[in-house]
Amino acid sequence: MSLCAGRPAVLSPLRSLWLARASAAVLAAFLVAQDAQPVAAETLREALAAAYQYNPRLDAERARLRATDENVARAESGYRPVVQGSADVGHSRLTTKPSSSTSGDASPWGYSISVRQQVFDGFRTSNEVGEAEATVKAGRETLRLVETNTLLEAVTAYMNVVAAHAILRIRENNVSVLS
């Protein structure tokens, strides 16, 4: 799915049909090219399982959904306290002629730790969490749409191959009858 001006591109029915026919043609060409080797029959269930498991568009959409899920944890971090710390260490040597009580070595050091907990942020954090959760729900529906389209294309390609195979058997029978 490509993005155009920040909006997902919607596949037109004509383009979906073209993609289905193109995939069927590629599958048919592959089957014809593999004619010299024995081909194991694949059931519709196996074809759908393979399409669901190995389709790169589905993998990309699943990865996008996992990345979107991370935004919920990031938004919920606004509820957690912020801890900051710092430390410093130094060394100095002061030598004076003639010696005095201020000459010698010194090793100053220090540290600080601060904890800050937001009590009320004008509902910003709760709104960010709600937005992130809504985005995850939308991502799940987008994944469901991509799954549906992928499985429809697999069924269409499978049935086109079955139909083409049936037509081939009928034509071979016609040739044998006419010969």
Foldseek 3Di string as FASTA:
>chain_A
DDDDPNHDDDDDPVNLVVLLVVLLVVVLVVCVVCVVPDDDDDDLVRLLVCLCPPPVVLVVLVVVLVVLLVQLVVLLCLQPKDKDKDKDKDKDAADDVPDDPPGGIDIDMDMDMDIDGDDDDPCPSVVSNVVSVVVSVVSVVVSVVVSVSSSVSSVSSVVSNVVVVVVVVVVVVVVVVVD
